[in-house]
Each structure stands twice: as structure tokens, then as C-alpha cells.
Amino acid sequence: MNLNFASDNTGPVHPKIMAAMVEANAGAAMPYGNDPWMPQVTERIRTIFDWPEAEVLLVATGTGANALALAGLVQPWDSILCHRIAHIEEDECGAPEFFTGGAKLVLIDGAQGRIGADALTAQISRTGGSVHNVQKGALSLTNVTEAGTLYSLDQLAELTTMARDAGFATHLDGARFANACAALDCSAADMVRGFDMVSFGGTKNGCMGVEAIVMRDPALHWEMQLRRKRGAQLWSKHRFLSSQMLAYLEDDLWLDTARAANAAGQRLAKGLADIGAVLEWEPGANLLFARLPRAAHERARAAAKYYVIEEAETPLCRFVCDYTKTDAEVDGLLDVMAG
């Protein structure tokens, strides 16, 4: 049994998405986003976001989506407020700073991987107002968070309202957007209500490699097209991005795969607690962190793949379930740990 819980990036491409790409491979199609699938993608996303004038650009990586989206929202002398463990801070090799021309990531602490309203208020009060300071730029939130937790819709509304009222733009890192919607049992429109720009992820949830940059304001579209090209994210054979995304959106496949991944993650979380592991944060979807009993870790590390975040007597480990994880695979990992 393949006990690989290292990342949802390890999962296979969903058969319906693979079939759509094979179908798109027949004959000729115009390049650079002028293929017949892309207008349908834009209309579908406009509908599910309830952003009737939104523009959509597809890229191949999450780093590209986040860095280019933020570049479209801020100036080089601006600030980007984010959580201390946000993906844009810890896992993108300085790409947001590079593509924005030097905008400063301003890190905010917060329990459970979430920024709190008081902490955001304090940081907003320290931003701008002088030529010596970085200026007001954007607030970037992540749902599902990098701690595997969730912002509620009320929390998102509170934070985005505070930011926008203070003159900040708002960005959502939605690498696991579908998992968040499935876990909160909410619509995409509910999730994006307070945001100006969204990175809508597909790669972690059954696609081969496609992410959508969705901008509420169509006036940004031309500049964002230029940024995508200059950032080496404009594919010539774009049909293989748009056909993926269209299949992903068809009949809510994006939600079906997310629900499956979340169910596996929650089964694993319960099982880990049952064998004496301590969950570091409250897992809301398919991503979880647990401190394992040393004996359980020693048994599992030879048989399974997962990330060890911190080596200790009770090591902190990260587990992620993709949409294909079965009950048998989850239980198999737990059985190995239990000995």
C-alpha cells in the first residue's frame, strides 16, 4: 500500500481532467489564451464568484499566481500584510518581493495560523503616514491556512472590511480554496466577498498544474496580462491550462475532490488523536500537523511518507490528504503507527 501523505501535490490528475486535456489535444487551437475553452472558464468563474465583470488569467504555478496577483495590487514601496507562516513568506523564495519590485512583507502573528482583528488593527496603525515608512498596500489571507485551520466567513469579512476601510487592497491565497469552501459548506461567492484579487487553486485538488488569477476589477486586466507575460507565465499552448480548468469547474468537480480530501484528512486527524498524537492546531480540512509519540513515528517513517517539521522527543509532523486517499490508506497509516 502506498502510504504517501507528504502533500496533496503528490496526488494524480483526476481522470476527467486528464480526459479533457486529451480531447483538447486533437487538432489545432489558437495559442496564448485565445483557445475556445478560455472564454468558458472566465464565464464559469464569474458565475461561481458572482463577480460578473471579473477577468481571469491562468498560470501554471501557485507561486506565479500569488506573486503576480500581489504585483497587480501594490507598488514597490507598499506593504503586504500577511501571517508570519503564510506561504508567501515561508515558501515562495522571495517571489512576491521580486515580482512586486520590492514591496515589503509585514508579518503578523496569530494563533492557529490566523490573523486576529486586534493584531491587524495594530499593524494598520503603524503603516504609512510618513515618507520613511512602507505605505499601505495589501492584506493577503490564506484559506485553508498554512496551519491547516480555517477562517470563518465572519472572520474573513471582519478582516477584509478593516483592511479595505483603511485603504488596503485584499488578496486571497486560495491554493486550497476548494477545501475551504467544502469545509465551511459555503459558496465560492461567499468566500471571495471581501477580496479584490484571488488565487484560485487547482493543482493541489486534482489538476495537472493550473491556477487562476481572478481580479474583481476588469480595469486591471491589461496590466495583469503584461505582468503574466513578463513573469514567464503565459503559456503558448494555453489550451492545456484552460481545458484543465474547465473540466475542474464542470459539475462542481472542484468541490467533489475537495470533499473527498477533507474527509480523509478528518479521518486521519481523529485516528491520530486516538493513538496518542497531539494535534498542533485544529485541522479544518485536509492538512494537519501532529506531534507523534516517538515509537509511532519510528514505526511510520520506514513505511510512509510525510514531512517532519521539527525533530523532537515528540516530533512535529505534517500530513496532507489528496482527493484519492481511501479509508484503507488512512487506516493503514494508523495501523503502522499503532504497531
Protein backbone atom coordinates (compact mmCIF):
# COMPACT_ATOMS: atom_id res chain seq x y z
CA MET A 1 0.00 0.00 0.00
CA ASN A 2 1.35 3.44 -0.97
CA LEU A 3 1.22 5.41 2.28
CA ASN A 4 2.13 8.83 0.92
CA PHE A 5 0.78 11.70 2.98
CA ALA A 6 3.52 14.20 2.17
CA SER A 7 1.38 16.62 0.13
CA ASP A 8 -1.78 16.93 -1.92
CA ASN A 9 0.63 17.73 -4.76
CA THR A 10 1.56 14.04 -4.81
CA GLY A 11 -1.93 13.02 -5.96
CA PRO A 12 -2.72 12.01 -9.53
CA VAL A 13 -4.57 14.06 -12.11
CA HIS A 14 -8.30 13.40 -11.94
CA PRO A 15 -9.41 11.16 -14.85
CA LYS A 16 -11.98 13.71 -16.04
CA ILE A 17 -9.33 16.40 -16.18
CA MET A 18 -6.88 14.14 -17.96
CA ALA A 19 -9.58 13.20 -20.46
CA ALA A 20 -10.33 16.87 -21.10
CA MET A 21 -6.67 17.54 -21.85
CA VAL A 22 -6.52 14.57 -24.23
CA GLU A 23 -9.62 15.86 -26.01
CA ALA A 24 -8.08 19.33 -26.23
CA ASN A 25 -5.00 17.78 -27.81
CA ALA A 26 -6.87 16.99 -31.03
CA GLY A 27 -6.09 19.29 -33.94
CA ALA A 28 -5.06 22.91 -33.79
CA ALA A 29 -6.07 25.58 -31.29
CA MET A 30 -5.04 29.21 -31.10
CA PRO A 31 -2.30 29.92 -28.56
CA TYR A 32 -1.79 32.30 -25.62
CA GLY A 33 -5.31 32.09 -24.19
CA ASN A 34 -7.16 32.52 -27.48
CA ASP A 35 -8.36 28.91 -27.43
CA PRO A 36 -12.11 28.10 -27.36
CA TRP A 37 -12.02 26.84 -23.75
CA MET A 38 -10.79 30.03 -22.10
CA PRO A 39 -13.94 32.17 -22.56
CA GLN A 40 -15.95 29.38 -20.93
CA VAL A 41 -13.54 29.30 -17.99
CA THR A 42 -13.95 33.04 -17.48
CA GLU A 43 -17.73 32.83 -17.57
CA ARG A 44 -17.81 29.89 -15.14
CA ILE A 45 -15.60 31.67 -12.64
CA ARG A 46 -17.60 34.88 -12.97
CA THR A 47 -20.71 32.86 -12.16
CA ILE A 48 -19.38 30.91 -9.17
CA PHE A 49 -17.70 34.01 -7.70
CA ASP A 50 -20.70 36.22 -8.50
CA TRP A 51 -18.24 38.72 -9.99
CA PRO A 52 -19.96 39.40 -13.33
CA GLU A 53 -17.18 41.64 -14.68
CA ALA A 54 -14.22 39.68 -13.32
CA GLU A 55 -11.26 38.86 -15.51
CA VAL A 56 -9.34 35.60 -15.26
CA LEU A 57 -5.76 34.73 -16.16
CA LEU A 58 -4.41 31.19 -15.93
CA VAL A 59 -0.89 30.33 -14.83
CA ALA A 60 0.87 27.06 -14.12
CA THR A 61 2.05 27.53 -10.53
CA GLY A 62 0.73 28.77 -7.23
CA THR A 63 3.80 30.93 -6.70
CA GLY A 64 3.14 32.58 -10.05
CA ALA A 65 -0.49 33.19 -9.14
CA ASN A 66 0.27 34.74 -5.75
CA ALA A 67 3.27 36.81 -6.80
CA LEU A 68 1.65 38.23 -9.92
CA ALA A 69 -1.66 38.92 -8.16
CA LEU A 70 0.10 40.87 -5.41
CA ALA A 71 2.18 42.73 -8.00
CA GLY A 72 -1.06 43.93 -9.54
CA LEU A 73 -2.26 45.32 -6.20
CA VAL A 74 0.74 47.12 -4.72
CA GLN A 75 3.58 49.49 -5.50
CA PRO A 76 7.22 48.70 -4.69
CA TRP A 77 7.13 50.99 -1.65
CA ASP A 78 3.99 49.39 -0.23
CA SER A 79 3.43 46.80 2.45
CA ILE A 80 1.83 43.37 2.12
CA LEU A 81 0.36 42.31 5.45
CA CYS A 82 0.30 38.54 5.98
CA HIS A 83 0.53 35.91 8.69
CA ARG A 84 4.00 35.00 9.92
CA ILE A 85 3.70 31.49 8.48
CA ALA A 86 1.93 32.48 5.26
CA HIS A 87 3.02 30.63 2.14
CA ILE A 88 4.09 33.91 0.53
CA GLU A 89 6.50 34.40 3.44
CA GLU A 90 7.88 30.91 4.03
CA ASP A 91 7.63 29.01 0.77
CA GLU A 92 8.00 31.24 -2.28
CA CYS A 93 11.71 32.09 -2.28
CA GLY A 94 11.10 35.84 -2.29
CA ALA A 95 8.91 35.72 -5.41
CA PRO A 96 6.30 38.19 -4.05
CA GLU A 97 9.03 40.72 -3.25
CA PHE A 98 10.68 40.13 -6.64
CA PHE A 99 7.56 40.47 -8.77
CA THR A 100 6.25 43.49 -6.83
CA GLY A 101 9.59 45.26 -7.29
CA GLY A 102 10.39 45.19 -3.59
CA ALA A 103 7.12 45.54 -1.66
CA LYS A 104 7.71 44.60 1.96
CA LEU A 105 6.03 41.59 3.56
CA VAL A 106 4.92 42.69 7.01
CA LEU A 107 4.41 39.64 9.22
CA ILE A 108 1.62 39.40 11.78
CA ASP A 109 1.45 36.75 14.48
CA GLY A 110 -1.79 34.98 15.27
CA ALA A 111 -2.99 31.82 16.97
CA GLN A 112 -3.99 28.82 14.86
CA GLY A 113 -2.34 30.32 11.77
CA ARG A 114 -4.92 33.11 11.60
CA ILE A 115 -4.53 36.88 11.83
CA GLY A 116 -6.68 38.36 14.58
CA ALA A 117 -8.57 41.64 14.34
CA ASP A 118 -6.61 43.30 17.16
CA ALA A 119 -3.26 42.40 15.62
CA LEU A 120 -4.38 43.68 12.23
CA THR A 121 -5.60 46.94 13.78
CA ALA A 122 -2.25 47.46 15.47
CA GLN A 123 -0.31 46.86 12.25
CA ILE A 124 -2.56 49.08 10.16
CA SER A 125 -1.93 51.92 12.62
CA ARG A 126 1.83 51.56 12.11
CA THR A 127 1.71 51.57 8.29
CA GLY A 128 2.07 54.66 6.11
CA GLY A 129 1.77 58.25 7.19
CA SER A 130 5.40 59.14 6.57
CA VAL A 131 7.84 59.09 3.71
CA HIS A 132 10.08 56.97 5.96
CA ASN A 133 7.59 54.09 6.21
CA VAL A 134 6.31 51.48 3.80
CA GLN A 135 2.89 52.54 2.61
CA LYS A 136 -0.49 50.88 2.69
CA GLY A 137 -0.59 48.09 0.14
CA ALA A 138 -2.49 44.85 0.52
CA LEU A 139 -3.70 42.34 3.07
CA SER A 140 -3.10 38.74 2.00
CA LEU A 141 -5.05 35.97 3.73
CA THR A 142 -4.93 32.23 3.16
CA ASN A 143 -7.85 29.82 3.43
CA VAL A 144 -7.20 26.92 4.21
CA THR A 145 -4.39 28.50 6.30
CA GLU A 146 -0.83 27.19 6.29
CA ALA A 147 -1.58 25.71 9.71
CA GLY A 148 -4.42 23.65 8.24
CA THR A 149 -7.03 25.73 10.06
CA LEU A 150 -9.90 27.76 8.65
CA TYR A 151 -11.02 31.35 8.73
CA SER A 152 -14.78 31.51 9.16
CA LEU A 153 -16.72 33.68 6.74
CA ASP A 154 -17.31 36.16 9.56
CA GLN A 155 -13.59 36.35 10.27
CA LEU A 156 -12.81 36.93 6.60
CA ALA A 157 -15.46 39.64 6.41
CA GLU A 158 -14.15 41.38 9.51
CA LEU A 159 -10.52 41.41 8.36
CA THR A 160 -11.17 42.39 4.76
CA THR A 161 -13.54 45.17 5.81
CA MET A 162 -10.94 46.55 8.20
CA ALA A 163 -8.25 46.44 5.54
CA ARG A 164 -10.30 47.99 2.76
CA ASP A 165 -11.64 50.73 5.05
CA ALA A 166 -8.02 51.57 5.90
CA GLY A 167 -7.01 51.80 2.24
CA PHE A 168 -5.51 48.36 1.67
CA ALA A 169 -6.32 46.07 -1.22
CA THR A 170 -7.18 42.47 -0.36
CA HIS A 171 -5.80 39.21 -1.73
CA LEU A 172 -6.81 35.62 -1.03
CA ASP A 173 -4.26 32.85 -1.42
CA GLY A 174 -6.64 30.08 -2.41
CA ALA A 175 -4.25 27.22 -3.12
CA ARG A 176 -6.75 25.12 -1.14
CA PHE A 177 -9.73 27.35 -1.93
CA ALA A 178 -11.95 24.36 -2.75
CA ASN A 179 -11.06 22.61 0.50
CA ALA A 180 -12.04 25.73 2.44
CA CYS A 181 -15.38 26.05 0.64
CA ALA A 182 -16.12 22.37 1.21
CA ALA A 183 -15.17 22.51 4.88
CA LEU A 184 -17.21 25.65 5.55
CA ASP A 185 -20.08 24.41 3.36
CA CYS A 186 -20.17 27.78 1.65
CA SER A 187 -20.24 29.01 -1.91
CA ALA A 188 -17.25 30.47 -3.71
CA ALA A 189 -19.15 33.76 -3.81
CA ASP A 190 -19.36 33.76 -0.01
CA MET A 191 -15.63 33.11 0.27
CA VAL A 192 -14.49 35.92 -2.04
CA ARG A 193 -16.92 38.63 -0.99
CA GLY A 194 -14.33 40.90 0.63
CA PHE A 195 -11.45 40.35 -1.78
CA ASP A 196 -10.09 42.26 -4.75
CA MET A 197 -7.86 39.53 -6.18
CA VAL A 198 -7.97 35.76 -5.68
CA SER A 199 -5.51 32.98 -6.46
CA PHE A 200 -7.90 30.12 -7.21
CA GLY A 201 -6.02 26.83 -6.96
CA GLY A 202 -6.43 23.66 -8.98
CA THR A 203 -3.10 21.85 -8.81
CA LYS A 204 -3.48 20.52 -5.26
CA ASN A 205 -7.01 19.30 -5.92
CA GLY A 206 -6.88 17.06 -8.99
CA CYS A 207 -5.47 19.22 -11.79
CA MET A 208 -2.16 18.61 -13.52
CA GLY A 209 -0.97 22.17 -12.99
CA VAL A 210 -3.21 25.22 -13.28
CA GLU A 211 -4.06 28.18 -11.07
CA ALA A 212 -6.38 31.09 -11.82
CA ILE A 213 -5.69 34.71 -11.01
CA VAL A 214 -9.15 36.24 -10.62
CA MET A 215 -9.48 40.02 -10.47
CA ARG A 216 -12.69 41.69 -9.43
CA ASP A 217 -11.82 44.93 -11.23
CA PRO A 218 -11.59 44.44 -15.01
CA ALA A 219 -9.54 47.64 -15.28
CA LEU A 220 -6.55 45.64 -14.02
CA HIS A 221 -6.76 43.12 -16.85
CA TRP A 222 -4.36 44.69 -19.34
CA GLU A 223 -1.66 45.36 -16.77
CA MET A 224 -2.05 41.82 -15.40
CA GLN A 225 -1.69 40.37 -18.89
CA LEU A 226 1.59 42.24 -19.25
CA ARG A 227 2.77 41.07 -15.84
CA ARG A 228 1.92 37.47 -16.70
CA LYS A 229 3.90 37.67 -19.93
CA ARG A 230 6.87 39.43 -18.32
CA GLY A 231 6.75 36.92 -15.48
CA ALA A 232 7.16 33.98 -17.93
CA GLN A 233 3.73 32.58 -17.01
CA LEU A 234 1.97 32.99 -20.38
CA TRP A 235 1.77 29.54 -21.98
CA SER A 236 1.80 29.31 -25.74
CA LYS A 237 -0.14 26.00 -25.69
CA HIS A 238 -2.59 27.58 -23.30
CA ARG A 239 -5.34 25.12 -24.21
CA PHE A 240 -3.78 22.65 -21.76
CA LEU A 241 -4.37 25.11 -18.94
CA SER A 242 -7.87 26.19 -19.93
CA SER A 243 -9.11 22.67 -20.69
CA GLN A 244 -7.92 21.58 -17.25
CA MET A 245 -9.66 24.43 -15.50
CA LEU A 246 -12.88 24.00 -17.45
CA ALA A 247 -13.07 20.31 -16.55
CA TYR A 248 -12.25 21.16 -12.94
CA LEU A 249 -15.22 23.54 -12.78
CA GLU A 250 -17.61 21.24 -14.68
CA ASP A 251 -20.42 19.83 -12.49
CA ASP A 252 -18.60 21.09 -9.36
CA LEU A 253 -15.78 18.58 -9.71
CA TRP A 254 -13.61 21.04 -7.75
CA LEU A 255 -15.90 20.62 -4.75
CA ASP A 256 -16.22 16.84 -5.08
CA THR A 257 -12.46 16.32 -4.99
CA ALA A 258 -12.10 18.74 -2.08
CA ARG A 259 -14.77 16.97 -0.06
CA ALA A 260 -13.02 13.65 -0.60
CA ALA A 261 -9.66 15.07 0.51
CA ASN A 262 -11.20 16.75 3.54
CA ALA A 263 -12.99 13.57 4.61
CA ALA A 264 -9.70 11.66 4.51
CA GLY A 265 -7.97 14.42 6.45
CA GLN A 266 -10.60 14.44 9.16
CA ARG A 267 -10.50 10.63 9.44
CA LEU A 268 -6.73 10.82 9.82
CA ALA A 269 -6.96 13.58 12.44
CA LYS A 270 -9.34 11.53 14.57
CA GLY A 271 -7.23 8.42 14.21
CA LEU A 272 -4.03 10.23 15.17
CA ALA A 273 -5.68 11.55 18.32
CA ASP A 274 -6.86 8.04 19.14
CA ILE A 275 -3.29 6.67 19.08
CA GLY A 276 -1.95 9.40 21.35
CA ALA A 277 -0.75 12.02 18.89
CA VAL A 278 -1.34 15.65 19.81
CA LEU A 279 -2.73 17.90 17.07
CA GLU A 280 -0.74 21.12 16.95
CA TRP A 281 -3.62 23.15 15.52
CA GLU A 282 -7.31 22.50 14.87
CA PRO A 283 -7.40 20.79 11.46
CA GLY A 284 -10.25 22.13 9.37
CA ALA A 285 -9.79 20.30 6.08
CA ASN A 286 -7.13 18.01 4.57
CA LEU A 287 -3.91 19.46 6.03
CA LEU A 288 -2.86 18.68 9.59
CA PHE A 289 0.08 18.89 11.95
CA ALA A 290 0.56 16.44 14.80
CA ARG A 291 3.16 15.64 17.43
CA LEU A 292 3.63 11.91 17.27
CA PRO A 293 4.68 9.58 20.05
CA ARG A 294 8.30 8.69 19.33
CA ALA A 295 7.56 4.98 18.93
CA ALA A 296 4.73 5.66 16.47
CA HIS A 297 6.98 7.95 14.44
CA GLU A 298 9.77 5.37 14.29
CA ARG A 299 7.35 2.73 13.04
CA ALA A 300 5.78 5.03 10.45
CA ARG A 301 8.85 6.72 8.97
CA ALA A 302 10.06 3.50 7.36
CA ALA A 303 6.68 2.71 5.80
CA ALA A 304 5.11 6.07 4.96
CA LYS A 305 5.95 9.47 3.51
CA TYR A 306 5.16 12.66 5.42
CA TYR A 307 7.08 15.76 6.40
CA VAL A 308 8.88 16.10 9.71
CA ILE A 309 8.69 19.77 10.63
CA GLU A 310 10.56 19.53 13.92
CA GLU A 311 12.63 16.66 15.26
CA ALA A 312 12.00 16.24 18.99
CA GLU A 313 11.07 13.58 21.50
CA THR A 314 7.56 14.03 20.13
CA PRO A 315 8.31 15.14 16.55
CA LEU A 316 6.02 17.63 14.84
CA CYS A 317 4.87 16.12 11.54
CA ARG A 318 2.75 17.34 8.65
CA PHE A 319 0.22 15.15 6.88
CA VAL A 320 -1.83 16.08 3.81
CA CYS A 321 -4.56 14.03 2.12
CA ASP A 322 -5.27 14.38 -1.58
CA TYR A 323 -8.63 13.53 -3.12
CA THR A 324 -7.67 9.89 -3.83
CA LYS A 325 -6.88 8.91 -0.25
CA THR A 326 -9.06 5.96 0.74
CA ASP A 327 -10.20 4.85 4.17
CA ALA A 328 -7.93 1.83 3.75
CA GLU A 329 -4.87 4.04 3.16
CA VAL A 330 -5.66 6.26 6.15
CA ASP A 331 -6.30 3.26 8.37
CA GLY A 332 -3.16 1.60 7.02
CA LEU A 333 -1.04 4.53 8.16
CA LEU A 334 -2.70 4.49 11.57
CA ASP A 335 -2.19 0.74 11.90
CA VAL A 336 1.52 1.12 11.17
CA MET A 337 1.80 3.81 13.83
CA ALA A 338 -0.15 1.81 16.39
CA GLY A 339 2.13 -1.22 15.87
